[in-house]
Amino acid sequence: MDYFNEFLFFKRKKHLLKYYNHHPKEVGSQLYIRNKQYYDSKGFTSTDCITYALNVMSAAFSEVGNSEAKNTIWKKGHSGIITAQYLVNNLGWETVYINADINHPADGENKHPLAYLQQVKRDGKYYNVPVHHALTNYRPTDKESAQEQGLWKIYKSRGLKVGPTTLNIVDYNTMRKIPFGFGVSNGGMHTWLFAEGYVYEVH
């Protein structure tokens, strides 16, 4: 890693903690919408997951003199996926697809195995964002809980031999070394930041 990237990572981490720990006059966007007049009278501003992420990244880009990236991410910020595409395709960021338990997701929804099988594994992309690495099965769902899910029953009815998930701790420990990342979930409906094993997010 060259000096510029080391410096940029430092700036992102600094602003990540700054905006995460100090937001006395901000309120979640949904609460703000429900009672706009009240929060306006108290001097509060609306925030949400993407606003937090963009604040951190734009401040870091500004400090390292990349005004183009600073301005562009705000233009792309209406969509987490479009923001991710810009970071990957234009700035050379690498992606890590994350799925805690491919076959037996904790919430029992089939969108998780489908996203992996029909996008990541088949096409090497997640909603048209190229996938460079994958971290999967790092938090297997409890076997008894998984067996109660509709997914397990579907597998069985179709004759698919899908057993309990094996823990993948090696890739998880590697992931914890990543200094900074911008994350998207649910097709970009939710965004978050990642640094050295911790997720930072606003709802």
N, C-alpha and C. Protein backbone atom coordinates (compact mmCIF):
# COMPACT_ATOMS: atom_id res chain seq x y z
N MET A 1 0.86 -1.20 0.00
CA MET A 1 0.00 0.00 0.00
C MET A 1 0.89 1.24 0.00
N ASP A 2 0.63 2.18 -0.90
CA ASP A 2 1.48 3.36 -0.96
C ASP A 2 1.07 4.39 0.09
N TYR A 3 1.89 5.45 0.22
CA TYR A 3 1.66 6.44 1.26
C TYR A 3 0.31 7.12 1.12
N PHE A 4 -0.07 7.45 -0.13
CA PHE A 4 -1.34 8.15 -0.34
C PHE A 4 -2.51 7.34 0.20
N ASN A 5 -2.52 6.04 -0.11
CA ASN A 5 -3.63 5.20 0.35
C ASN A 5 -3.61 5.02 1.86
N GLU A 6 -2.42 4.92 2.45
CA GLU A 6 -2.34 4.82 3.90
C GLU A 6 -2.91 6.08 4.54
N PHE A 7 -2.59 7.23 3.97
CA PHE A 7 -3.07 8.51 4.49
C PHE A 7 -4.58 8.61 4.34
N LEU A 8 -5.10 8.17 3.18
CA LEU A 8 -6.53 8.22 2.94
C LEU A 8 -7.28 7.31 3.91
N PHE A 9 -6.75 6.11 4.16
CA PHE A 9 -7.38 5.21 5.11
C PHE A 9 -7.42 5.84 6.50
N PHE A 10 -6.35 6.52 6.89
CA PHE A 10 -6.31 7.19 8.18
C PHE A 10 -7.38 8.26 8.27
N LYS A 11 -7.55 9.03 7.21
CA LYS A 11 -8.54 10.10 7.21
C LYS A 11 -9.95 9.53 7.29
N ARG A 12 -10.20 8.44 6.57
CA ARG A 12 -11.54 7.84 6.61
C ARG A 12 -11.86 7.37 8.02
N LYS A 13 -10.90 6.70 8.66
CA LYS A 13 -11.14 6.19 10.01
C LYS A 13 -11.40 7.34 10.98
N LYS A 14 -10.64 8.42 10.83
CA LYS A 14 -10.82 9.57 11.70
C LYS A 14 -12.22 10.15 11.57
N HIS A 15 -12.66 10.34 10.35
CA HIS A 15 -13.98 10.93 10.13
C HIS A 15 -15.09 9.94 10.44
N LEU A 16 -14.82 8.65 10.26
CA LEU A 16 -15.81 7.63 10.61
C LEU A 16 -16.18 7.76 12.08
N LEU A 17 -15.18 7.86 12.93
CA LEU A 17 -15.43 7.97 14.37
C LEU A 17 -16.00 9.33 14.73
N LYS A 18 -15.55 10.37 14.04
CA LYS A 18 -16.04 11.72 14.31
C LYS A 18 -17.54 11.80 14.09
N TYR A 19 -18.00 11.36 12.94
CA TYR A 19 -19.43 11.46 12.62
C TYR A 19 -20.26 10.43 13.38
N TYR A 20 -19.64 9.34 13.79
CA TYR A 20 -20.38 8.31 14.52
C TYR A 20 -20.58 8.69 15.98
N ASN A 21 -19.59 9.32 16.57
CA ASN A 21 -19.64 9.62 18.00
C ASN A 21 -20.22 11.00 18.32
N HIS A 22 -20.25 11.90 17.34
CA HIS A 22 -20.69 13.27 17.62
C HIS A 22 -21.78 13.69 16.63
N HIS A 23 -23.01 13.52 17.05
CA HIS A 23 -24.14 13.95 16.20
C HIS A 23 -25.29 14.42 17.09
N PRO A 24 -25.04 15.43 17.95
CA PRO A 24 -26.05 15.86 18.92
C PRO A 24 -27.28 16.53 18.30
N LYS A 25 -27.17 17.04 17.10
CA LYS A 25 -28.29 17.75 16.48
C LYS A 25 -28.78 17.04 15.23
N GLU A 26 -28.70 15.72 15.22
CA GLU A 26 -29.18 14.93 14.09
C GLU A 26 -30.22 13.93 14.58
N VAL A 27 -31.14 13.60 13.69
CA VAL A 27 -32.18 12.63 14.01
C VAL A 27 -32.40 11.75 12.78
N GLY A 28 -32.76 10.50 13.01
CA GLY A 28 -33.00 9.58 11.90
C GLY A 28 -34.05 10.11 10.94
N SER A 29 -33.86 9.81 9.65
CA SER A 29 -34.71 10.39 8.61
C SER A 29 -36.18 10.04 8.79
N GLN A 30 -36.47 8.81 9.23
CA GLN A 30 -37.88 8.42 9.38
C GLN A 30 -38.55 9.16 10.54
N LEU A 31 -37.83 9.33 11.64
CA LEU A 31 -38.38 10.11 12.75
C LEU A 31 -38.57 11.56 12.34
N TYR A 32 -37.63 12.07 11.56
CA TYR A 32 -37.72 13.46 11.10
C TYR A 32 -38.95 13.67 10.22
N ILE A 33 -39.21 12.74 9.33
CA ILE A 33 -40.37 12.85 8.44
C ILE A 33 -41.67 12.85 9.24
N ARG A 34 -41.72 12.02 10.27
CA ARG A 34 -42.95 11.89 11.07
C ARG A 34 -43.25 13.14 11.88
N ASN A 35 -42.22 13.87 12.28
CA ASN A 35 -42.45 15.04 13.13
C ASN A 35 -41.50 16.17 12.74
N LYS A 36 -41.56 16.55 11.47
CA LYS A 36 -40.63 17.54 10.91
C LYS A 36 -40.69 18.87 11.65
N GLN A 37 -41.89 19.34 11.93
CA GLN A 37 -42.04 20.65 12.57
C GLN A 37 -41.34 20.68 13.93
N TYR A 38 -41.50 19.61 14.69
CA TYR A 38 -40.88 19.55 16.02
C TYR A 38 -39.36 19.58 15.91
N TYR A 39 -38.81 18.74 15.06
CA TYR A 39 -37.35 18.66 14.96
C TYR A 39 -36.75 19.92 14.35
N ASP A 40 -37.47 20.55 13.43
CA ASP A 40 -37.01 21.82 12.88
C ASP A 40 -36.94 22.89 13.97
N SER A 41 -37.94 22.89 14.84
CA SER A 41 -37.98 23.89 15.91
C SER A 41 -36.84 23.71 16.90
N LYS A 42 -36.32 22.49 17.00
CA LYS A 42 -35.21 22.19 17.91
C LYS A 42 -33.85 22.29 17.22
N GLY A 43 -33.87 22.61 15.94
CA GLY A 43 -32.61 22.76 15.21
C GLY A 43 -31.97 21.46 14.78
N PHE A 44 -32.76 20.40 14.69
CA PHE A 44 -32.23 19.10 14.27
C PHE A 44 -32.23 18.99 12.75
N THR A 45 -31.28 18.24 12.23
CA THR A 45 -31.25 17.92 10.81
C THR A 45 -31.42 16.42 10.63
N SER A 46 -31.93 16.05 9.48
CA SER A 46 -32.20 14.64 9.18
C SER A 46 -30.92 13.92 8.74
N THR A 47 -30.78 12.68 9.17
CA THR A 47 -29.66 11.86 8.72
C THR A 47 -30.15 10.44 8.46
N ASP A 48 -29.35 9.68 7.77
CA ASP A 48 -29.67 8.27 7.50
C ASP A 48 -28.39 7.54 7.14
N CYS A 49 -28.53 6.29 6.74
CA CYS A 49 -27.35 5.45 6.52
C CYS A 49 -26.44 5.99 5.43
N ILE A 50 -26.99 6.42 4.32
CA ILE A 50 -26.16 6.88 3.21
C ILE A 50 -25.56 8.25 3.50
N THR A 51 -26.31 9.12 4.21
CA THR A 51 -25.79 10.44 4.56
C THR A 51 -24.56 10.31 5.44
N TYR A 52 -24.64 9.42 6.42
CA TYR A 52 -23.48 9.19 7.30
C TYR A 52 -22.27 8.72 6.51
N ALA A 53 -22.48 7.72 5.65
CA ALA A 53 -21.38 7.17 4.85
C ALA A 53 -20.76 8.23 3.94
N LEU A 54 -21.61 9.03 3.30
CA LEU A 54 -21.11 10.06 2.39
C LEU A 54 -20.39 11.17 3.14
N ASN A 55 -20.86 11.51 4.33
CA ASN A 55 -20.17 12.52 5.13
C ASN A 55 -18.74 12.08 5.43
N VAL A 56 -18.59 10.83 5.83
CA VAL A 56 -17.27 10.30 6.18
C VAL A 56 -16.35 10.28 4.96
N MET A 57 -16.84 9.69 3.86
CA MET A 57 -15.99 9.54 2.68
C MET A 57 -15.66 10.88 2.03
N SER A 58 -16.64 11.78 1.96
CA SER A 58 -16.39 13.07 1.31
C SER A 58 -15.40 13.90 2.13
N ALA A 59 -15.49 13.82 3.45
CA ALA A 59 -14.53 14.55 4.29
C ALA A 59 -13.12 14.02 4.09
N ALA A 60 -12.99 12.70 3.97
CA ALA A 60 -11.68 12.10 3.75
C ALA A 60 -11.12 12.47 2.38
N PHE A 61 -11.97 12.38 1.35
CA PHE A 61 -11.52 12.76 0.01
C PHE A 61 -11.10 14.22 -0.03
N SER A 62 -11.83 15.07 0.68
CA SER A 62 -11.51 16.49 0.71
C SER A 62 -10.14 16.74 1.31
N GLU A 63 -9.82 16.03 2.40
CA GLU A 63 -8.55 16.25 3.08
C GLU A 63 -7.35 15.78 2.27
N VAL A 64 -7.57 14.81 1.39
CA VAL A 64 -6.44 14.34 0.56
C VAL A 64 -6.43 15.03 -0.80
N GLY A 65 -7.32 16.02 -0.98
CA GLY A 65 -7.30 16.82 -2.19
C GLY A 65 -8.01 16.25 -3.39
N ASN A 66 -8.86 15.25 -3.17
CA ASN A 66 -9.60 14.65 -4.30
C ASN A 66 -11.01 15.24 -4.33
N SER A 67 -11.11 16.46 -4.82
CA SER A 67 -12.41 17.15 -4.85
C SER A 67 -13.38 16.49 -5.83
N GLU A 68 -12.85 15.89 -6.88
CA GLU A 68 -13.71 15.23 -7.86
C GLU A 68 -14.46 14.07 -7.21
N ALA A 69 -13.75 13.23 -6.47
CA ALA A 69 -14.39 12.10 -5.79
C ALA A 69 -15.35 12.60 -4.72
N LYS A 70 -14.96 13.64 -4.00
CA LYS A 70 -15.81 14.20 -2.96
C LYS A 70 -17.16 14.63 -3.54
N ASN A 71 -17.13 15.32 -4.66
CA ASN A 71 -18.37 15.82 -5.27
C ASN A 71 -19.16 14.70 -5.95
N THR A 72 -18.45 13.77 -6.56
CA THR A 72 -19.13 12.72 -7.32
C THR A 72 -19.92 11.78 -6.42
N ILE A 73 -19.38 11.42 -5.26
CA ILE A 73 -20.11 10.47 -4.42
C ILE A 73 -21.42 11.06 -3.92
N TRP A 74 -21.48 12.38 -3.77
CA TRP A 74 -22.76 12.99 -3.39
C TRP A 74 -23.75 12.93 -4.54
N LYS A 75 -23.26 13.04 -5.76
CA LYS A 75 -24.14 12.94 -6.93
C LYS A 75 -24.66 11.51 -7.11
N LYS A 76 -23.84 10.54 -6.73
CA LYS A 76 -24.21 9.13 -6.85
C LYS A 76 -24.98 8.63 -5.63
N GLY A 77 -25.01 9.44 -4.57
CA GLY A 77 -25.47 8.98 -3.28
C GLY A 77 -26.94 8.64 -3.14
N HIS A 78 -27.74 8.85 -4.18
CA HIS A 78 -29.14 8.46 -4.08
C HIS A 78 -29.29 6.94 -4.11
N SER A 79 -28.21 6.24 -4.42
CA SER A 79 -28.24 4.78 -4.49
C SER A 79 -26.94 4.20 -3.95
N GLY A 80 -27.07 3.28 -3.00
CA GLY A 80 -25.88 2.63 -2.47
C GLY A 80 -25.14 1.84 -3.54
N ILE A 81 -25.89 1.19 -4.42
CA ILE A 81 -25.29 0.38 -5.48
C ILE A 81 -24.52 1.26 -6.47
N ILE A 82 -25.12 2.38 -6.88
CA ILE A 82 -24.45 3.28 -7.82
C ILE A 82 -23.20 3.88 -7.19
N THR A 83 -23.27 4.18 -5.90
CA THR A 83 -22.08 4.67 -5.20
C THR A 83 -20.99 3.62 -5.20
N ALA A 84 -21.37 2.37 -4.92
CA ALA A 84 -20.39 1.27 -4.92
C ALA A 84 -19.78 1.07 -6.30
N GLN A 85 -20.61 1.16 -7.34
CA GLN A 85 -20.10 1.01 -8.70
C GLN A 85 -19.05 2.07 -9.02
N TYR A 86 -19.30 3.29 -8.57
CA TYR A 86 -18.34 4.37 -8.81
C TYR A 86 -17.02 4.10 -8.09
N LEU A 87 -17.10 3.69 -6.83
CA LEU A 87 -15.88 3.43 -6.05
C LEU A 87 -15.06 2.32 -6.68
N VAL A 88 -15.74 1.29 -7.20
CA VAL A 88 -15.04 0.15 -7.80
C VAL A 88 -14.53 0.47 -9.20
N ASN A 89 -15.42 0.97 -10.04
CA ASN A 89 -15.08 1.17 -11.46
C ASN A 89 -14.20 2.38 -11.72
N ASN A 90 -14.33 3.41 -10.89
CA ASN A 90 -13.59 4.65 -11.15
C ASN A 90 -12.41 4.89 -10.21
N LEU A 91 -12.51 4.36 -8.99
CA LEU A 91 -11.44 4.60 -8.02
C LEU A 91 -10.63 3.35 -7.69
N GLY A 92 -11.02 2.23 -8.28
CA GLY A 92 -10.22 1.02 -8.10
C GLY A 92 -10.40 0.28 -6.79
N TRP A 93 -11.51 0.55 -6.08
CA TRP A 93 -11.77 -0.18 -4.85
C TRP A 93 -12.07 -1.64 -5.18
N GLU A 94 -11.75 -2.54 -4.25
CA GLU A 94 -12.10 -3.95 -4.41
C GLU A 94 -13.29 -4.28 -3.52
N THR A 95 -14.06 -5.29 -3.94
CA THR A 95 -15.28 -5.64 -3.22
C THR A 95 -15.15 -6.98 -2.51
N VAL A 96 -15.88 -7.09 -1.42
CA VAL A 96 -15.99 -8.35 -0.68
C VAL A 96 -17.47 -8.64 -0.50
N TYR A 97 -17.95 -9.73 -1.07
CA TYR A 97 -19.34 -10.14 -0.87
C TYR A 97 -19.42 -10.85 0.47
N ILE A 98 -20.38 -10.46 1.30
CA ILE A 98 -20.51 -11.01 2.65
C ILE A 98 -21.86 -11.70 2.82
N ASN A 99 -21.83 -12.94 3.30
CA ASN A 99 -23.05 -13.70 3.55
C ASN A 99 -22.80 -14.62 4.74
N ALA A 100 -23.43 -14.32 5.87
CA ALA A 100 -23.13 -15.03 7.12
C ALA A 100 -23.40 -16.52 7.05
N ASP A 101 -24.44 -16.92 6.35
CA ASP A 101 -24.77 -18.34 6.18
C ASP A 101 -25.56 -18.46 4.88
N ILE A 102 -24.91 -18.94 3.85
CA ILE A 102 -25.53 -18.95 2.52
C ILE A 102 -26.82 -19.75 2.49
N ASN A 103 -26.78 -20.99 2.95
CA ASN A 103 -27.93 -21.88 2.81
C ASN A 103 -28.98 -21.73 3.89
N HIS A 104 -28.56 -21.25 5.06
CA HIS A 104 -29.50 -21.14 6.19
C HIS A 104 -29.41 -19.75 6.84
N PRO A 105 -29.81 -18.70 6.12
CA PRO A 105 -29.75 -17.34 6.69
C PRO A 105 -30.58 -17.23 7.96
N ALA A 106 -30.11 -16.42 8.88
CA ALA A 106 -30.76 -16.31 10.18
C ALA A 106 -32.22 -15.88 10.08
N ASP A 107 -32.55 -15.04 9.08
CA ASP A 107 -33.93 -14.58 8.95
C ASP A 107 -34.79 -15.53 8.11
N GLY A 108 -34.19 -16.58 7.56
CA GLY A 108 -34.95 -17.58 6.81
C GLY A 108 -35.43 -17.13 5.44
N GLU A 109 -34.97 -15.97 4.97
CA GLU A 109 -35.44 -15.46 3.67
C GLU A 109 -34.57 -16.00 2.53
N ASN A 110 -35.24 -16.38 1.44
CA ASN A 110 -34.51 -17.00 0.34
C ASN A 110 -33.71 -16.02 -0.51
N LYS A 111 -33.87 -14.71 -0.26
CA LYS A 111 -33.12 -13.73 -1.06
C LYS A 111 -31.61 -13.86 -0.85
N HIS A 112 -31.20 -14.37 0.31
CA HIS A 112 -29.77 -14.48 0.60
C HIS A 112 -29.10 -15.60 -0.20
N PRO A 113 -29.63 -16.83 -0.17
CA PRO A 113 -29.02 -17.85 -1.03
C PRO A 113 -29.18 -17.54 -2.51
N LEU A 114 -30.29 -16.90 -2.89
CA LEU A 114 -30.50 -16.57 -4.30
C LEU A 114 -29.49 -15.52 -4.77
N ALA A 115 -29.22 -14.53 -3.93
CA ALA A 115 -28.24 -13.49 -4.30
C ALA A 115 -26.88 -14.12 -4.56
N TYR A 116 -26.53 -15.10 -3.74
CA TYR A 116 -25.23 -15.75 -3.92
C TYR A 116 -25.22 -16.64 -5.16
N LEU A 117 -26.24 -17.50 -5.29
CA LEU A 117 -26.26 -18.47 -6.38
C LEU A 117 -26.50 -17.84 -7.74
N GLN A 118 -27.44 -16.87 -7.81
CA GLN A 118 -27.86 -16.32 -9.09
C GLN A 118 -27.09 -15.06 -9.49
N GLN A 119 -26.31 -14.52 -8.58
CA GLN A 119 -25.53 -13.33 -8.93
C GLN A 119 -24.03 -13.55 -8.71
N VAL A 120 -23.65 -13.74 -7.47
CA VAL A 120 -22.22 -13.81 -7.13
C VAL A 120 -21.54 -15.04 -7.74
N LYS A 121 -22.10 -16.21 -7.48
CA LYS A 121 -21.47 -17.44 -7.97
C LYS A 121 -21.57 -17.57 -9.48
N ARG A 122 -22.71 -17.23 -10.04
CA ARG A 122 -22.93 -17.40 -11.48
C ARG A 122 -22.28 -16.30 -12.32
N ASP A 123 -22.46 -15.04 -11.87
CA ASP A 123 -22.03 -13.91 -12.70
C ASP A 123 -20.83 -13.14 -12.16
N GLY A 124 -20.44 -13.44 -10.91
CA GLY A 124 -19.33 -12.69 -10.33
C GLY A 124 -19.68 -11.26 -10.01
N LYS A 125 -20.97 -10.98 -9.82
CA LYS A 125 -21.42 -9.62 -9.52
C LYS A 125 -22.53 -9.65 -8.47
N TYR A 126 -22.69 -8.51 -7.79
CA TYR A 126 -23.80 -8.31 -6.87
C TYR A 126 -24.50 -7.03 -7.32
N TYR A 127 -25.68 -7.18 -7.91
CA TYR A 127 -26.42 -6.05 -8.48
C TYR A 127 -25.51 -5.21 -9.39
N ASN A 128 -24.81 -5.90 -10.27
CA ASN A 128 -23.93 -5.28 -11.27
C ASN A 128 -22.67 -4.64 -10.70
N VAL A 129 -22.39 -4.89 -9.44
CA VAL A 129 -21.11 -4.46 -8.87
C VAL A 129 -20.17 -5.67 -8.90
N PRO A 130 -19.02 -5.58 -9.57
CA PRO A 130 -18.10 -6.72 -9.64
C PRO A 130 -17.69 -7.20 -8.25
N VAL A 131 -17.65 -8.50 -8.07
CA VAL A 131 -17.25 -9.09 -6.79
C VAL A 131 -15.83 -9.66 -6.93
N HIS A 132 -14.91 -9.17 -6.11
CA HIS A 132 -13.52 -9.63 -6.16
C HIS A 132 -13.24 -10.73 -5.14
N HIS A 133 -13.89 -10.65 -3.99
CA HIS A 133 -13.66 -11.62 -2.92
C HIS A 133 -15.01 -11.95 -2.28
N ALA A 134 -15.05 -13.06 -1.55
CA ALA A 134 -16.29 -13.45 -0.87
C ALA A 134 -15.97 -13.95 0.54
N LEU A 135 -16.75 -13.47 1.49
CA LEU A 135 -16.68 -13.95 2.87
C LEU A 135 -18.02 -14.59 3.18
N THR A 136 -18.04 -15.90 3.30
CA THR A 136 -19.31 -16.61 3.51
C THR A 136 -19.21 -17.58 4.68
N ASN A 137 -20.37 -17.85 5.25
CA ASN A 137 -20.52 -18.87 6.30
C ASN A 137 -19.65 -18.60 7.53
N TYR A 138 -19.50 -17.33 7.88
CA TYR A 138 -18.70 -16.98 9.05
C TYR A 138 -19.54 -16.95 10.34
N ARG A 139 -20.88 -17.02 10.19
CA ARG A 139 -21.74 -17.06 11.37
C ARG A 139 -22.91 -18.00 11.07
N PRO A 140 -22.66 -19.32 11.11
CA PRO A 140 -23.72 -20.29 10.78
C PRO A 140 -24.91 -20.17 11.72
N THR A 141 -26.09 -20.30 11.16
CA THR A 141 -27.31 -20.30 11.95
C THR A 141 -27.37 -21.57 12.78
N ASP A 142 -27.82 -21.45 14.02
CA ASP A 142 -27.96 -22.61 14.89
C ASP A 142 -28.74 -23.72 14.17
N LYS A 143 -28.26 -24.95 14.26
CA LYS A 143 -28.84 -26.07 13.51
C LYS A 143 -30.33 -26.23 13.77
N GLU A 144 -30.74 -26.18 15.03
CA GLU A 144 -32.16 -26.36 15.35
C GLU A 144 -33.00 -25.23 14.77
N SER A 145 -32.49 -24.01 14.84
CA SER A 145 -33.23 -22.88 14.26
C SER A 145 -33.33 -23.02 12.76
N ALA A 146 -32.24 -23.44 12.13
CA ALA A 146 -32.23 -23.60 10.68
C ALA A 146 -33.22 -24.67 10.22
N GLN A 147 -33.33 -25.74 10.99
CA GLN A 147 -34.23 -26.83 10.60
C GLN A 147 -35.70 -26.43 10.67
N GLU A 148 -35.99 -25.37 11.41
CA GLU A 148 -37.37 -24.90 11.52
C GLU A 148 -37.73 -23.96 10.37
N GLN A 149 -36.74 -23.54 9.61
CA GLN A 149 -37.00 -22.60 8.53
C GLN A 149 -37.64 -23.27 7.32
N GLY A 150 -38.38 -22.47 6.59
CA GLY A 150 -38.99 -22.98 5.37
C GLY A 150 -37.97 -23.39 4.34
N LEU A 151 -36.79 -22.74 4.34
CA LEU A 151 -35.76 -23.06 3.36
C LEU A 151 -35.30 -24.51 3.49
N TRP A 152 -35.08 -24.96 4.72
CA TRP A 152 -34.63 -26.33 4.94
C TRP A 152 -35.66 -27.31 4.39
N LYS A 153 -36.93 -27.00 4.61
CA LYS A 153 -38.00 -27.87 4.14
C LYS A 153 -38.07 -27.88 2.61
N ILE A 154 -37.79 -26.73 2.00
CA ILE A 154 -37.77 -26.66 0.53
C ILE A 154 -36.64 -27.51 -0.02
N TYR A 155 -35.47 -27.40 0.59
CA TYR A 155 -34.33 -28.21 0.15
C TYR A 155 -34.69 -29.70 0.20
N LYS A 156 -35.29 -30.10 1.31
CA LYS A 156 -35.63 -31.51 1.51
C LYS A 156 -36.67 -31.97 0.50
N SER A 157 -37.69 -31.13 0.24
CA SER A 157 -38.75 -31.51 -0.69
C SER A 157 -38.23 -31.67 -2.12
N ARG A 158 -37.15 -30.98 -2.43
CA ARG A 158 -36.57 -31.05 -3.77
C ARG A 158 -35.42 -32.06 -3.87
N GLY A 159 -35.23 -32.78 -2.78
CA GLY A 159 -34.20 -33.81 -2.80
C GLY A 159 -32.78 -33.26 -2.73
N LEU A 160 -32.65 -32.02 -2.27
CA LEU A 160 -31.32 -31.42 -2.17
C LEU A 160 -30.68 -31.76 -0.83
N LYS A 161 -29.47 -32.23 -0.88
CA LYS A 161 -28.76 -32.60 0.34
C LYS A 161 -27.98 -31.39 0.86
N VAL A 162 -28.66 -30.59 1.63
CA VAL A 162 -28.06 -29.39 2.20
C VAL A 162 -28.01 -29.55 3.71
N GLY A 163 -26.83 -29.85 4.21
CA GLY A 163 -26.68 -30.07 5.64
C GLY A 163 -26.37 -28.80 6.39
N PRO A 164 -26.04 -28.91 7.67
CA PRO A 164 -25.68 -27.73 8.46
C PRO A 164 -24.45 -27.04 7.87
N THR A 165 -24.37 -25.75 8.07
CA THR A 165 -23.27 -24.96 7.53
C THR A 165 -22.01 -25.11 8.38
N THR A 166 -20.87 -25.27 7.73
CA THR A 166 -19.59 -25.36 8.41
C THR A 166 -19.00 -23.97 8.62
N LEU A 167 -18.56 -23.70 9.84
CA LEU A 167 -18.01 -22.39 10.18
C LEU A 167 -16.74 -22.09 9.38
N ASN A 168 -16.70 -20.87 8.82
CA ASN A 168 -15.53 -20.39 8.08
C ASN A 168 -14.89 -19.25 8.87
N ILE A 169 -13.96 -19.59 9.75
CA ILE A 169 -13.36 -18.57 10.61
C ILE A 169 -12.13 -17.94 9.98
N VAL A 170 -11.49 -18.64 9.03
CA VAL A 170 -10.25 -18.15 8.42
C VAL A 170 -10.49 -16.85 7.66
N ASP A 171 -11.49 -16.85 6.77
CA ASP A 171 -11.78 -15.65 5.99
C ASP A 171 -12.27 -14.51 6.87
N TYR A 172 -12.99 -14.87 7.94
CA TYR A 172 -13.51 -13.84 8.85
C TYR A 172 -12.35 -13.10 9.52
N ASN A 173 -11.35 -13.84 9.97
CA ASN A 173 -10.19 -13.20 10.61
C ASN A 173 -9.42 -12.32 9.64
N THR A 174 -9.39 -12.73 8.38
CA THR A 174 -8.74 -11.91 7.35
C THR A 174 -9.52 -10.62 7.13
N MET A 175 -10.84 -10.72 7.13
CA MET A 175 -11.70 -9.56 6.92
C MET A 175 -11.48 -8.50 8.00
N ARG A 176 -11.17 -8.93 9.19
CA ARG A 176 -10.98 -8.00 10.31
C ARG A 176 -9.75 -7.11 10.13
N LYS A 177 -8.90 -7.45 9.20
CA LYS A 177 -7.69 -6.66 8.96
C LYS A 177 -7.93 -5.53 7.96
N ILE A 178 -9.09 -5.53 7.31
CA ILE A 178 -9.38 -4.48 6.33
C ILE A 178 -9.58 -3.15 7.05
N PRO A 179 -8.83 -2.11 6.68
CA PRO A 179 -8.88 -0.85 7.42
C PRO A 179 -10.16 -0.04 7.22
N PHE A 180 -10.76 -0.15 6.04
CA PHE A 180 -11.96 0.67 5.78
C PHE A 180 -12.75 0.09 4.62
N GLY A 181 -14.07 0.18 4.71
CA GLY A 181 -14.90 -0.27 3.61
C GLY A 181 -16.26 0.42 3.62
N PHE A 182 -16.86 0.50 2.45
CA PHE A 182 -18.23 1.00 2.28
C PHE A 182 -19.10 -0.19 1.94
N GLY A 183 -20.16 -0.42 2.71
CA GLY A 183 -20.98 -1.61 2.51
C GLY A 183 -22.40 -1.30 2.06
N VAL A 184 -22.97 -2.23 1.30
CA VAL A 184 -24.37 -2.13 0.89
C VAL A 184 -25.08 -3.43 1.22
N SER A 185 -26.33 -3.33 1.61
CA SER A 185 -27.16 -4.50 1.91
C SER A 185 -28.50 -4.36 1.21
N ASN A 186 -29.16 -5.50 1.02
CA ASN A 186 -30.49 -5.51 0.42
C ASN A 186 -30.54 -4.74 -0.90
N GLY A 187 -29.59 -5.04 -1.76
CA GLY A 187 -29.58 -4.39 -3.07
C GLY A 187 -29.30 -2.91 -3.04
N GLY A 188 -28.65 -2.45 -1.96
CA GLY A 188 -28.31 -1.03 -1.85
C GLY A 188 -29.31 -0.21 -1.07
N MET A 189 -30.35 -0.85 -0.54
CA MET A 189 -31.34 -0.13 0.26
C MET A 189 -30.76 0.35 1.59
N HIS A 190 -29.74 -0.36 2.07
CA HIS A 190 -29.07 0.04 3.31
C HIS A 190 -27.57 0.12 3.05
N THR A 191 -26.93 1.11 3.64
CA THR A 191 -25.48 1.26 3.49
C THR A 191 -24.84 1.39 4.87
N TRP A 192 -23.57 1.09 4.93
CA TRP A 192 -22.86 1.12 6.20
C TRP A 192 -21.36 1.24 5.92
N LEU A 193 -20.61 1.48 6.98
CA LEU A 193 -19.16 1.56 6.87
C LEU A 193 -18.53 0.46 7.71
N PHE A 194 -17.34 0.07 7.31
CA PHE A 194 -16.65 -1.04 7.97
C PHE A 194 -15.21 -0.64 8.23
N ALA A 195 -14.71 -0.97 9.43
CA ALA A 195 -13.31 -0.69 9.73
C ALA A 195 -12.80 -1.69 10.75
N GLU A 196 -11.81 -2.47 10.34
CA GLU A 196 -11.09 -3.37 11.23
C GLU A 196 -12.01 -4.25 12.06
N GLY A 197 -12.98 -4.86 11.41
CA GLY A 197 -13.84 -5.82 12.07
C GLY A 197 -15.12 -5.27 12.65
N TYR A 198 -15.33 -3.96 12.57
CA TYR A 198 -16.53 -3.36 13.14
C TYR A 198 -17.37 -2.67 12.06
N VAL A 199 -18.68 -2.78 12.21
CA VAL A 199 -19.62 -2.12 11.30
C VAL A 199 -20.14 -0.84 11.97
N TYR A 200 -20.17 0.24 11.21
CA TYR A 200 -20.70 1.52 11.70
C TYR A 200 -21.86 1.91 10.80
N GLU A 201 -23.03 2.11 11.39
CA GLU A 201 -24.21 2.39 10.58
C GLU A 201 -25.17 3.31 11.31
N VAL A 202 -26.04 3.94 10.53
CA VAL A 202 -27.07 4.83 11.06
C VAL A 202 -28.40 4.40 10.47
N HIS A 203 -29.44 4.38 11.30
CA HIS A 203 -30.78 3.99 10.82
C HIS A 203 -31.74 5.17 10.97
